[in-house]
Amino acid sequence: ILKENGIIHQHQAGIMEIKITKQSGIYTLTSEQILPISLEKAWAFFTVPTNLDKITPDEMNFRITNNPGSETYQGQIITYKIGIFPFVKSNWITEITHFVKEKFFVDEQRFGPYAMWHHEHHFEETPDGKVKMTDIVNFKMPFGVFGDLIAGTPVKNKVRFIFESRYKILEKIIKL
């Protein structure tokens, strides 16, 4: 179902909503997903850096290139290789800049394919014991207006695809 600038997916046991807006050359993706697991289990899964490999679609040719350890922490640097277009790979380096246990963490690009990337991961326990996971991603294309004109729409669609795919992958992992 298409709703305003976003897509709402409703499945038997879970709901996901994605919307993307643009202001001042910065795209903002907001994704909300209800997970039928406890806050502790969700936090334990999403704060293991190598689990990002598991929830990123294969089409992205994504892989972590350093050894980030088994837990996320403020100040952590994670390096990746990612396919941004067919036959085009990019190195990507992010830092965990904020971290509040069982509430949220933020990763920001230090070097990589975007002029700016700021990704907030929020976790909130619902009254029925599930978890509302909210991702807020602010990103800007490189090369200013030219980069936005050439690649803005395909990249926006690719970022949306990643989060739509993540829902389906999590559905299988968590058995929504």
C-alpha atoms as a PDB file:
ATOM      1  CA  ILE A   1       0.000   0.000   0.000  1.00  0.00           C
ATOM      2  CA  LEU A   2       1.444   3.378  -0.932  1.00  0.00           C
ATOM      3  CA  LYS A   3       0.821   6.041   1.727  1.00  0.00           C
ATOM      4  CA  GLU A   4       2.025   9.613   1.128  1.00  0.00           C
ATOM      5  CA  ASN A   5       5.793   9.366   0.535  1.00  0.00           C
ATOM      6  CA  GLY A   6       6.059   6.008   2.272  1.00  0.00           C
ATOM      7  CA  ILE A   7       5.142   2.386   2.070  1.00  0.00           C
ATOM      8  CA  ILE A   8       3.304   0.444   4.727  1.00  0.00           C
ATOM      9  CA  HIS A   9       3.697  -3.319   4.821  1.00  0.00           C
ATOM     10  CA  GLN A  10       1.345  -5.278   7.033  1.00  0.00           C
ATOM     11  CA  HIS A  11       2.066  -8.931   7.676  1.00  0.00           C
ATOM     12  CA  GLN A  12       0.368 -11.435   9.919  1.00  0.00           C
ATOM     13  CA  ALA A  13       2.409 -10.687  13.024  1.00  0.00           C
ATOM     14  CA  GLY A  14       4.361  -7.559  12.155  1.00  0.00           C
ATOM     15  CA  ILE A  15       4.053  -4.100  10.687  1.00  0.00           C
ATOM     16  CA  MET A  16       6.676  -2.014   8.938  1.00  0.00           C
ATOM     17  CA  GLU A  17       6.352   1.557   7.731  1.00  0.00           C
ATOM     18  CA  ILE A  18       8.933   3.338   5.563  1.00  0.00           C
ATOM     19  CA  LYS A  19       8.884   6.915   4.406  1.00  0.00           C
ATOM     20  CA  ILE A  20      11.494   9.098   2.735  1.00  0.00           C
ATOM     21  CA  THR A  21      11.434  12.866   2.652  1.00  0.00           C
ATOM     22  CA  LYS A  22      13.903  15.413   1.306  1.00  0.00           C
ATOM     23  CA  GLN A  23      14.714  18.878   2.577  1.00  0.00           C
ATOM     24  CA  SER A  24      17.700  21.135   1.881  1.00  0.00           C
ATOM     25  CA  GLY A  25      19.326  18.375  -0.186  1.00  0.00           C
ATOM     26  CA  ILE A  26      19.215  15.875   2.689  1.00  0.00           C
ATOM     27  CA  TYR A  27      17.118  12.719   2.427  1.00  0.00           C
ATOM     28  CA  THR A  28      15.535  11.341   5.592  1.00  0.00           C
ATOM     29  CA  LEU A  29      14.347   7.750   5.697  1.00  0.00           C
ATOM     30  CA  THR A  30      12.215   6.748   8.652  1.00  0.00           C
ATOM     31  CA  SER A  31      11.455   3.088   9.145  1.00  0.00           C
ATOM     32  CA  GLU A  32       9.369   1.596  11.935  1.00  0.00           C
ATOM     33  CA  GLN A  33       9.023  -2.099  12.575  1.00  0.00           C
ATOM     34  CA  ILE A  34       7.358  -4.052  15.373  1.00  0.00           C
ATOM     35  CA  LEU A  35       9.353  -7.114  16.413  1.00  0.00           C
ATOM     36  CA  PRO A  36       7.656  -9.892  18.423  1.00  0.00           C
ATOM     37  CA  ILE A  37      10.624 -10.316  20.767  1.00  0.00           C
ATOM     38  CA  SER A  38      11.710  -8.738  24.036  1.00  0.00           C
ATOM     39  CA  LEU A  39      13.724  -5.535  24.203  1.00  0.00           C
ATOM     40  CA  GLU A  40      16.660  -7.496  25.642  1.00  0.00           C
ATOM     41  CA  LYS A  41      16.671  -9.970  22.731  1.00  0.00           C
ATOM     42  CA  ALA A  42      16.324  -7.218  20.113  1.00  0.00           C
ATOM     43  CA  TRP A  43      19.137  -5.193  21.689  1.00  0.00           C
ATOM     44  CA  ALA A  44      21.367  -8.280  21.938  1.00  0.00           C
ATOM     45  CA  PHE A  45      20.864  -9.037  18.231  1.00  0.00           C
ATOM     46  CA  PHE A  46      21.203  -5.522  16.788  1.00  0.00           C
ATOM     47  CA  THR A  47      24.277  -4.595  18.815  1.00  0.00           C
ATOM     48  CA  VAL A  48      26.380  -7.459  17.458  1.00  0.00           C
ATOM     49  CA  PRO A  49      28.139  -5.716  14.531  1.00  0.00           C
ATOM     50  CA  THR A  50      28.494  -8.872  12.424  1.00  0.00           C
ATOM     51  CA  ASN A  51      24.701  -9.331  12.417  1.00  0.00           C
ATOM     52  CA  LEU A  52      24.585  -6.436   9.947  1.00  0.00           C
ATOM     53  CA  ASP A  53      25.880  -8.921   7.349  1.00  0.00           C
ATOM     54  CA  LYS A  54      22.861 -11.136   8.094  1.00  0.00           C
ATOM     55  CA  ILE A  55      20.227  -8.421   7.613  1.00  0.00           C
ATOM     56  CA  THR A  56      21.688  -6.713   4.526  1.00  0.00           C
ATOM     57  CA  PRO A  57      20.362  -8.022   1.194  1.00  0.00           C
ATOM     58  CA  ASP A  58      22.807 -10.134  -0.821  1.00  0.00           C
ATOM     59  CA  GLU A  59      22.407  -7.773  -3.795  1.00  0.00           C
ATOM     60  CA  MET A  60      24.417  -5.153  -1.883  1.00  0.00           C
ATOM     61  CA  ASN A  61      27.566  -7.322  -1.849  1.00  0.00           C
ATOM     62  CA  PHE A  62      28.085  -6.063   1.692  1.00  0.00           C
ATOM     63  CA  ARG A  63      30.817  -7.297   3.982  1.00  0.00           C
ATOM     64  CA  ILE A  64      32.539  -6.059   7.102  1.00  0.00           C
ATOM     65  CA  THR A  65      36.275  -5.714   6.429  1.00  0.00           C
ATOM     66  CA  ASN A  66      37.625  -5.227   9.946  1.00  0.00           C
ATOM     67  CA  ASN A  67      37.085  -7.193  13.144  1.00  0.00           C
ATOM     68  CA  PRO A  68      34.676  -5.031  15.168  1.00  0.00           C
ATOM     69  CA  GLY A  69      34.256  -7.512  18.017  1.00  0.00           C
ATOM     70  CA  SER A  70      31.068  -8.984  19.393  1.00  0.00           C
ATOM     71  CA  GLU A  71      29.500  -5.873  20.965  1.00  0.00           C
ATOM     72  CA  THR A  72      28.746  -2.349  19.811  1.00  0.00           C
ATOM     73  CA  TYR A  73      30.155   0.543  21.851  1.00  0.00           C
ATOM     74  CA  GLN A  74      30.524   4.313  21.562  1.00  0.00           C
ATOM     75  CA  GLY A  75      33.618   5.241  19.560  1.00  0.00           C
ATOM     76  CA  GLN A  76      33.686   1.933  17.663  1.00  0.00           C
ATOM     77  CA  ILE A  77      34.929   2.074  14.065  1.00  0.00           C
ATOM     78  CA  ILE A  78      33.495  -0.443  11.581  1.00  0.00           C
ATOM     79  CA  THR A  79      34.778  -0.767   8.013  1.00  0.00           C
ATOM     80  CA  TYR A  80      32.818  -2.253   5.121  1.00  0.00           C
ATOM     81  CA  LYS A  81      32.914  -2.940   1.431  1.00  0.00           C
ATOM     82  CA  ILE A  82      29.554  -2.329  -0.259  1.00  0.00           C
ATOM     83  CA  GLY A  83      28.239  -2.575  -3.803  1.00  0.00           C
ATOM     84  CA  ILE A  84      26.697   0.786  -4.582  1.00  0.00           C
ATOM     85  CA  PHE A  85      25.922   0.084  -8.246  1.00  0.00           C
ATOM     86  CA  PRO A  86      26.435  -3.024 -10.397  1.00  0.00           C
ATOM     87  CA  PHE A  87      30.188  -3.643 -10.645  1.00  0.00           C
ATOM     88  CA  VAL A  88      30.932  -0.595  -8.444  1.00  0.00           C
ATOM     89  CA  LYS A  89      32.104  -1.224  -4.879  1.00  0.00           C
ATOM     90  CA  SER A  90      32.962   1.344  -2.257  1.00  0.00           C
ATOM     91  CA  ASN A  91      34.832   1.314   1.023  1.00  0.00           C
ATOM     92  CA  TRP A  92      32.711   2.616   3.878  1.00  0.00           C
ATOM     93  CA  ILE A  93      33.847   3.553   7.370  1.00  0.00           C
ATOM     94  CA  THR A  94      31.387   4.345  10.155  1.00  0.00           C
ATOM     95  CA  GLU A  95      31.748   5.284  13.798  1.00  0.00           C
ATOM     96  CA  ILE A  96      29.281   4.575  16.607  1.00  0.00           C
ATOM     97  CA  THR A  97      28.942   8.116  17.962  1.00  0.00           C
ATOM     98  CA  HIS A  98      26.143   7.665  20.528  1.00  0.00           C
ATOM     99  CA  PHE A  99      25.163   4.627  22.561  1.00  0.00           C
ATOM    100  CA  VAL A 100      22.536   4.319  25.316  1.00  0.00           C
ATOM    101  CA  LYS A 101      21.950   0.703  26.312  1.00  0.00           C
ATOM    102  CA  GLU A 102      18.548  -0.695  25.312  1.00  0.00           C
ATOM    103  CA  LYS A 103      17.461   2.740  24.002  1.00  0.00           C
ATOM    104  CA  PHE A 104      19.434   3.774  20.904  1.00  0.00           C
ATOM    105  CA  PHE A 105      22.742   3.995  19.095  1.00  0.00           C
ATOM    106  CA  VAL A 106      23.943   6.113  16.178  1.00  0.00           C
ATOM    107  CA  ASP A 107      26.369   5.286  13.382  1.00  0.00           C
ATOM    108  CA  GLU A 108      27.883   8.068  11.270  1.00  0.00           C
ATOM    109  CA  GLN A 109      29.918   7.774   8.106  1.00  0.00           C
ATOM    110  CA  ARG A 110      33.517   8.908   8.456  1.00  0.00           C
ATOM    111  CA  PHE A 111      34.524   7.991   4.874  1.00  0.00           C
ATOM    112  CA  GLY A 112      32.422   6.476   2.126  1.00  0.00           C
ATOM    113  CA  PRO A 113      29.979   6.918  -0.711  1.00  0.00           C
ATOM    114  CA  TYR A 114      27.814   9.660   0.844  1.00  0.00           C
ATOM    115  CA  ALA A 115      28.532  13.320   1.546  1.00  0.00           C
ATOM    116  CA  MET A 116      26.722  12.630   4.846  1.00  0.00           C
ATOM    117  CA  TRP A 117      25.275   9.552   6.573  1.00  0.00           C
ATOM    118  CA  HIS A 118      23.738   9.679  10.052  1.00  0.00           C
ATOM    119  CA  HIS A 119      21.770   6.577  11.141  1.00  0.00           C
ATOM    120  CA  GLU A 120      19.851   6.468  14.417  1.00  0.00           C
ATOM    121  CA  HIS A 121      18.693   3.054  15.702  1.00  0.00           C
ATOM    122  CA  HIS A 122      15.930   3.388  18.356  1.00  0.00           C
ATOM    123  CA  PHE A 123      14.380   0.574  20.411  1.00  0.00           C
ATOM    124  CA  GLU A 124      11.243   0.904  22.525  1.00  0.00           C
ATOM    125  CA  GLU A 125       9.347  -1.763  24.424  1.00  0.00           C
ATOM    126  CA  THR A 126       5.641  -1.808  23.619  1.00  0.00           C
ATOM    127  CA  PRO A 127       2.956  -2.410  26.282  1.00  0.00           C
ATOM    128  CA  ASP A 128       2.454  -5.974  24.979  1.00  0.00           C
ATOM    129  CA  GLY A 129       6.141  -6.869  25.415  1.00  0.00           C
ATOM    130  CA  LYS A 130       7.209  -6.457  21.787  1.00  0.00           C
ATOM    131  CA  VAL A 131       9.747  -3.988  20.444  1.00  0.00           C
ATOM    132  CA  LYS A 132       9.164  -0.987  18.235  1.00  0.00           C
ATOM    133  CA  MET A 133      12.372  -0.488  16.270  1.00  0.00           C
ATOM    134  CA  THR A 134      12.737   2.891  14.565  1.00  0.00           C
ATOM    135  CA  ASP A 135      15.526   3.726  12.138  1.00  0.00           C
ATOM    136  CA  ILE A 136      16.085   7.351  11.136  1.00  0.00           C
ATOM    137  CA  VAL A 137      18.646   7.741   8.368  1.00  0.00           C
ATOM    138  CA  ASN A 138      19.747  11.165   7.131  1.00  0.00           C
ATOM    139  CA  PHE A 139      21.918  11.054   4.033  1.00  0.00           C
ATOM    140  CA  LYS A 140      23.198  13.452   1.398  1.00  0.00           C
ATOM    141  CA  MET A 141      24.569  12.666  -2.014  1.00  0.00           C
ATOM    142  CA  PRO A 142      28.156  13.605  -2.899  1.00  0.00           C
ATOM    143  CA  PHE A 143      28.904  16.301  -5.496  1.00  0.00           C
ATOM    144  CA  GLY A 144      26.070  18.613  -4.400  1.00  0.00           C
ATOM    145  CA  VAL A 145      23.199  19.296  -6.781  1.00  0.00           C
ATOM    146  CA  PHE A 146      24.971  17.449  -9.616  1.00  0.00           C
ATOM    147  CA  GLY A 147      25.283  14.266  -7.545  1.00  0.00           C
ATOM    148  CA  ASP A 148      21.686  14.546  -6.457  1.00  0.00           C
ATOM    149  CA  LEU A 149      20.452  14.996 -10.044  1.00  0.00           C
ATOM    150  CA  ILE A 150      22.489  12.064 -11.355  1.00  0.00           C
ATOM    151  CA  ALA A 151      22.145   9.567  -8.502  1.00  0.00           C
ATOM    152  CA  GLY A 152      19.601  10.901  -5.981  1.00  0.00           C
ATOM    153  CA  THR A 153      16.570   8.892  -7.082  1.00  0.00           C
ATOM    154  CA  PRO A 154      18.428   5.585  -7.665  1.00  0.00           C
ATOM    155  CA  VAL A 155      20.225   5.868  -4.311  1.00  0.00           C
ATOM    156  CA  LYS A 156      17.025   6.825  -2.469  1.00  0.00           C
ATOM    157  CA  ASN A 157      15.360   3.772  -3.997  1.00  0.00           C
ATOM    158  CA  LYS A 158      18.336   1.575  -3.056  1.00  0.00           C
ATOM    159  CA  VAL A 159      18.208   2.729   0.578  1.00  0.00           C
ATOM    160  CA  ARG A 160      14.453   2.039   0.627  1.00  0.00           C
ATOM    161  CA  PHE A 161      15.132  -1.415  -0.884  1.00  0.00           C
ATOM    162  CA  ILE A 162      17.655  -2.182   1.879  1.00  0.00           C
ATOM    163  CA  PHE A 163      15.105  -1.460   4.610  1.00  0.00           C
ATOM    164  CA  GLU A 164      12.279  -3.282   2.819  1.00  0.00           C
ATOM    165  CA  SER A 165      14.580  -6.285   2.430  1.00  0.00           C
ATOM    166  CA  ARG A 166      15.646  -6.026   6.061  1.00  0.00           C
ATOM    167  CA  TYR A 167      12.010  -6.473   7.099  1.00  0.00           C
ATOM    168  CA  LYS A 168      11.717  -9.673   5.062  1.00  0.00           C
ATOM    169  CA  ILE A 169      15.042 -10.999   6.350  1.00  0.00           C
ATOM    170  CA  LEU A 170      14.112 -10.246   9.969  1.00  0.00           C
ATOM    171  CA  GLU A 171      10.754 -11.931   9.366  1.00  0.00           C
ATOM    172  CA  LYS A 172      12.644 -15.158   8.617  1.00  0.00           C
ATOM    173  CA  ILE A 173      15.265 -14.786  11.371  1.00  0.00           C
ATOM    174  CA  ILE A 174      12.812 -13.872  14.119  1.00  0.00           C
ATOM    175  CA  LYS A 175       9.856 -15.839  12.713  1.00  0.00           C
ATOM    176  CA  LEU A 176       7.372 -12.966  12.764  1.00  0.00           C
END
